Amino acid sequence: MKDENGKITIKSIWKWLRSDTGKKASFFIFYFFFFLFIFVLLSSGDNQTTPQQEEGTSFPYSITNIEANNYSFSYILTINDTNYEYLGERDNNTLTINDDTGIYIYSYQNGNLTFEGGDNPLKYPEFLNIYDLKTILKTATLQSETKLTTTNEYIYTYEIKNSQLLNLLNLTTDLSIDIDLDNEIIVKTNSNKEFQEIQLDLLNFMKIVENAELNTYTITLTYGDTYE
């Protein structure tokens, strides 16, 4: 590429590019930068996540095993040390729970649970709805993650304020003195960090919502087999 004086100039470069050697070299140079450009473009595209991917990775564990599948579960409501136990099953948009007194059917409509009729056994079905539970967990503050060495399961402890729950459930209360008390939520996963159980200690929340003297108010949802 040097001229007769041993210098590299625009004229000498142009002359070299028009030579057989220059043509071959320019061919490889072109495709080298072309494929480099494609590689960078694809790499940047891989790093872009869709809203659905971002939603799925907003937790330190996977909840899609419950969102994307049908499943069986148990629902235990404990009020003042008395347990009310239900067995349940989700089949697409139908969610059924039953106890000793009967069978109760809910349906999903735009992510909300609607009771199909009769006496509704659950005053707050939001705590049964996996989509409402996800919203609650996103609003809550993660306090700790613990790995159980004997089983390799994981325990996640959250806290959420009364005011936050009131807002999420569109409820109000006159007992503003207790508005910022915390409620504890515990999530349990298997060794693969797949959502298995959630326990909500809602004593502080229910005291102001129900305006009643309570000593315990917990909800425990344990998920069993999942299937398509």
Protein backbone atom coordinates (compact mmCIF):
# COMPACT_ATOMS: atom_id res chain seq x y z
CA MET A 1 0.00 0.00 0.00
CA LYS A 2 3.04 2.28 0.09
CA ASP A 3 3.90 4.56 -2.84
CA GLU A 4 7.31 4.87 -4.50
CA ASN A 5 8.47 7.05 -1.62
CA GLY A 6 7.54 4.43 0.96
CA LYS A 7 4.55 6.39 2.27
CA ILE A 8 0.93 5.32 2.73
CA THR A 9 -1.40 7.74 1.01
CA ILE A 10 -5.02 7.70 -0.13
CA LYS A 11 -3.80 7.25 -3.70
CA SER A 12 -1.60 4.29 -2.74
CA ILE A 13 -4.42 2.67 -0.75
CA TRP A 14 -6.83 3.10 -3.67
CA LYS A 15 -4.28 1.62 -6.06
CA TRP A 16 -3.74 -1.33 -3.71
CA LEU A 17 -7.48 -1.98 -3.40
CA ARG A 18 -7.77 -2.20 -7.19
CA SER A 19 -5.00 -4.80 -7.36
CA ASP A 20 -5.75 -8.56 -7.20
CA THR A 21 -4.28 -8.77 -3.70
CA GLY A 22 -6.25 -5.77 -2.53
CA LYS A 23 -9.51 -7.11 -3.96
CA LYS A 24 -9.08 -10.41 -2.11
CA ALA A 25 -8.17 -8.65 1.12
CA SER A 26 -11.07 -6.20 0.87
CA PHE A 27 -13.45 -9.14 0.32
CA PHE A 28 -12.40 -10.74 3.61
CA ILE A 29 -12.34 -7.40 5.44
CA PHE A 30 -15.89 -6.63 4.30
CA TYR A 31 -17.29 -9.95 5.44
CA PHE A 32 -15.36 -9.82 8.69
CA PHE A 33 -17.01 -6.55 9.69
CA PHE A 34 -20.35 -7.69 8.26
CA PHE A 35 -20.47 -10.80 10.46
CA LEU A 36 -19.14 -8.81 13.40
CA PHE A 37 -22.05 -6.39 12.97
CA ILE A 38 -24.56 -9.27 12.78
CA PHE A 39 -23.08 -10.86 15.90
CA VAL A 40 -23.33 -7.63 17.90
CA LEU A 41 -26.89 -7.08 16.69
CA LEU A 42 -28.01 -10.57 17.68
CA SER A 43 -26.23 -10.37 21.03
CA SER A 44 -27.98 -7.14 21.91
CA GLY A 45 -31.29 -8.70 20.87
CA ASP A 46 -30.74 -11.64 23.23
CA ASN A 47 -30.31 -9.23 26.13
CA GLN A 48 -33.67 -7.62 25.52
CA THR A 49 -36.45 -9.28 27.52
CA THR A 50 -40.15 -9.14 26.89
CA PRO A 51 -42.47 -7.95 29.66
CA GLN A 52 -43.47 -11.57 30.25
CA GLN A 53 -39.84 -12.61 30.76
CA GLU A 54 -39.24 -9.72 33.12
CA GLU A 55 -42.33 -10.71 35.10
CA GLY A 56 -41.19 -14.31 35.34
CA THR A 57 -37.75 -13.33 36.63
CA SER A 58 -38.87 -10.70 39.16
CA PHE A 59 -38.76 -13.35 41.90
CA PRO A 60 -35.72 -15.31 43.08
CA TYR A 61 -37.73 -18.46 42.29
CA SER A 62 -40.05 -19.70 39.54
CA ILE A 63 -43.81 -19.33 39.88
CA THR A 64 -44.66 -20.39 36.32
CA ASN A 65 -45.26 -23.99 37.39
CA ILE A 66 -48.42 -22.74 39.10
CA GLU A 67 -49.38 -20.05 36.59
CA ALA A 68 -49.04 -22.19 33.46
CA ASN A 69 -50.51 -25.48 34.65
CA ASN A 70 -53.50 -27.05 36.31
CA TYR A 71 -52.79 -28.26 39.82
CA SER A 72 -54.14 -29.64 43.08
CA PHE A 73 -53.68 -27.79 46.36
CA SER A 74 -54.74 -27.46 49.97
CA TYR A 75 -55.97 -24.25 51.55
CA ILE A 76 -55.91 -23.90 55.34
CA LEU A 77 -57.42 -20.85 57.00
CA THR A 78 -56.59 -20.50 60.69
CA ILE A 79 -58.65 -18.03 62.75
CA ASN A 80 -58.16 -17.87 66.52
CA ASP A 81 -56.47 -21.29 66.49
CA THR A 82 -59.35 -22.94 64.61
CA ASN A 83 -58.47 -24.51 61.26
CA TYR A 84 -60.76 -24.45 58.24
CA GLU A 85 -59.33 -26.88 55.70
CA TYR A 86 -60.14 -27.12 52.00
CA LEU A 87 -58.82 -29.31 49.23
CA GLY A 88 -58.76 -27.73 45.81
CA GLU A 89 -58.04 -28.18 42.16
CA ARG A 90 -57.56 -25.85 39.24
CA ASP A 91 -58.76 -27.00 35.81
CA ASN A 92 -58.02 -24.26 33.26
CA ASN A 93 -60.25 -21.32 34.26
CA THR A 94 -62.20 -23.25 36.91
CA LEU A 95 -61.02 -23.49 40.49
CA THR A 96 -62.83 -25.86 42.85
CA ILE A 97 -62.45 -26.22 46.61
CA ASN A 98 -64.29 -28.56 48.96
CA ASP A 99 -64.58 -29.34 52.64
CA ASP A 100 -66.92 -31.43 54.80
CA THR A 101 -69.84 -29.14 54.02
CA GLY A 102 -69.74 -29.00 50.24
CA ILE A 103 -68.06 -28.14 46.96
CA TYR A 104 -67.43 -24.53 45.95
CA ILE A 105 -66.61 -23.38 42.42
CA TYR A 106 -64.81 -20.24 41.30
CA SER A 107 -63.94 -19.11 37.80
CA TYR A 108 -61.12 -16.96 36.49
CA GLN A 109 -62.27 -13.88 34.59
CA ASN A 110 -59.51 -11.50 33.47
CA GLY A 111 -57.28 -12.73 36.26
CA ASN A 112 -59.96 -12.29 38.95
CA LEU A 113 -61.68 -15.08 40.86
CA THR A 114 -65.47 -15.01 40.69
CA PHE A 115 -67.62 -17.22 42.89
CA GLU A 116 -70.18 -19.18 40.91
CA GLY A 117 -73.07 -18.96 43.41
CA GLY A 118 -74.35 -20.03 46.79
CA ASP A 119 -72.64 -19.31 50.09
CA ASN A 120 -69.06 -18.23 49.49
CA PRO A 121 -66.89 -19.91 52.14
CA LEU A 122 -63.98 -17.50 51.61
CA LYS A 123 -64.49 -13.85 52.45
CA TYR A 124 -61.22 -12.87 50.79
CA PRO A 125 -60.74 -15.01 47.65
CA GLU A 126 -57.86 -12.73 46.62
CA PHE A 127 -55.64 -14.82 48.88
CA LEU A 128 -56.61 -17.89 46.86
CA ASN A 129 -55.88 -16.27 43.50
CA ILE A 130 -52.32 -16.95 42.28
CA TYR A 131 -52.31 -13.72 40.27
CA ASP A 132 -53.30 -11.62 43.26
CA LEU A 133 -50.69 -13.43 45.33
CA LYS A 134 -48.06 -12.53 42.75
CA THR A 135 -49.03 -8.87 42.99
CA ILE A 136 -48.87 -9.04 46.77
CA LEU A 137 -45.40 -10.60 46.67
CA LYS A 138 -44.16 -7.98 44.23
CA THR A 139 -45.34 -5.25 46.57
CA ALA A 140 -43.93 -6.90 49.70
CA THR A 141 -40.33 -6.51 50.84
CA LEU A 142 -38.11 -9.60 50.77
CA GLN A 143 -36.41 -9.95 54.15
CA SER A 144 -34.44 -13.16 53.85
CA GLU A 145 -33.67 -16.28 51.83
CA THR A 146 -32.82 -19.50 53.66
CA LYS A 147 -31.69 -22.80 52.18
CA LEU A 148 -32.60 -25.92 54.13
CA THR A 149 -29.48 -28.08 54.04
CA THR A 150 -31.34 -31.32 54.73
CA THR A 151 -33.74 -31.02 51.77
CA ASN A 152 -32.17 -28.23 49.61
CA GLU A 153 -35.53 -26.44 49.74
CA TYR A 154 -35.68 -22.66 50.06
CA ILE A 155 -37.60 -20.39 52.42
CA TYR A 156 -38.27 -16.74 51.52
CA THR A 157 -39.58 -14.35 54.15
CA TYR A 158 -41.43 -11.16 53.17
CA GLU A 159 -43.08 -8.28 54.98
CA ILE A 160 -45.96 -6.16 53.72
CA LYS A 161 -47.67 -3.25 55.46
CA ASN A 162 -51.36 -2.99 56.24
CA SER A 163 -51.57 0.12 54.07
CA GLN A 164 -50.14 -1.75 51.09
CA LEU A 165 -52.61 -4.61 51.43
CA LEU A 166 -55.52 -2.21 51.81
CA ASN A 167 -54.50 -0.51 48.60
CA LEU A 168 -54.06 -3.77 46.68
CA LEU A 169 -57.41 -5.14 47.83
CA ASN A 170 -59.23 -1.81 47.47
CA LEU A 171 -60.29 -1.87 51.13
CA THR A 172 -60.52 0.90 53.71
CA THR A 173 -60.38 1.13 57.49
CA ASP A 174 -61.00 3.74 60.17
CA LEU A 175 -58.18 2.35 62.35
CA SER A 176 -55.41 4.45 60.86
CA ILE A 177 -53.27 4.06 63.98
CA ASP A 178 -52.29 0.56 62.84
CA ILE A 179 -51.97 1.38 59.15
CA ASP A 180 -48.20 0.78 58.97
CA LEU A 181 -47.97 -2.48 60.90
CA ASP A 182 -46.33 -5.32 58.99
CA ASN A 183 -47.65 -8.73 58.01
CA GLU A 184 -45.36 -11.68 57.34
CA ILE A 185 -45.45 -13.84 54.23
CA ILE A 186 -43.39 -17.00 53.87
CA VAL A 187 -42.79 -18.70 50.52
CA LYS A 188 -41.43 -22.22 50.31
CA THR A 189 -39.92 -23.74 47.15
CA ASN A 190 -38.44 -27.09 46.23
CA SER A 191 -34.74 -27.64 45.53
CA ASN A 192 -35.24 -26.35 41.97
CA LYS A 193 -36.64 -23.09 43.36
CA GLU A 194 -40.15 -23.85 42.09
CA PHE A 195 -43.06 -22.33 44.02
CA GLN A 196 -44.59 -24.89 46.42
CA GLU A 197 -46.19 -23.16 49.38
CA ILE A 198 -47.16 -19.74 50.65
CA GLN A 199 -48.16 -18.83 54.20
CA LEU A 200 -49.66 -15.45 54.97
CA ASP A 201 -49.74 -14.26 58.58
CA LEU A 202 -52.43 -11.58 58.25
CA LEU A 203 -53.19 -10.99 61.92
CA ASN A 204 -52.33 -7.27 61.89
CA PHE A 205 -54.21 -6.73 58.65
CA MET A 206 -57.37 -8.57 59.69
CA LYS A 207 -57.50 -6.76 63.03
CA ILE A 208 -58.07 -3.46 61.27
CA VAL A 209 -60.18 -4.84 58.39
CA GLU A 210 -62.50 -6.87 60.59
CA ASN A 211 -62.21 -4.48 63.55
CA ALA A 212 -62.17 -7.53 65.79
CA GLU A 213 -60.10 -9.07 68.56
CA LEU A 214 -58.00 -11.81 66.97
CA ASN A 215 -55.03 -13.81 68.16
CA THR A 216 -54.29 -15.69 64.92
CA TYR A 217 -55.21 -15.28 61.27
CA THR A 218 -53.11 -17.22 58.80
CA ILE A 219 -53.65 -18.67 55.34
CA THR A 220 -51.51 -21.55 54.10
CA LEU A 221 -51.65 -22.65 50.47
CA THR A 222 -49.73 -25.81 49.60
CA TYR A 223 -49.53 -26.80 45.94
CA GLY A 224 -49.44 -30.45 44.94
CA ASP A 225 -49.25 -32.15 41.54
CA THR A 226 -49.28 -29.98 38.44
CA TYR A 227 -50.49 -31.15 35.05
CA GLU A 228 -51.48 -29.72 31.67
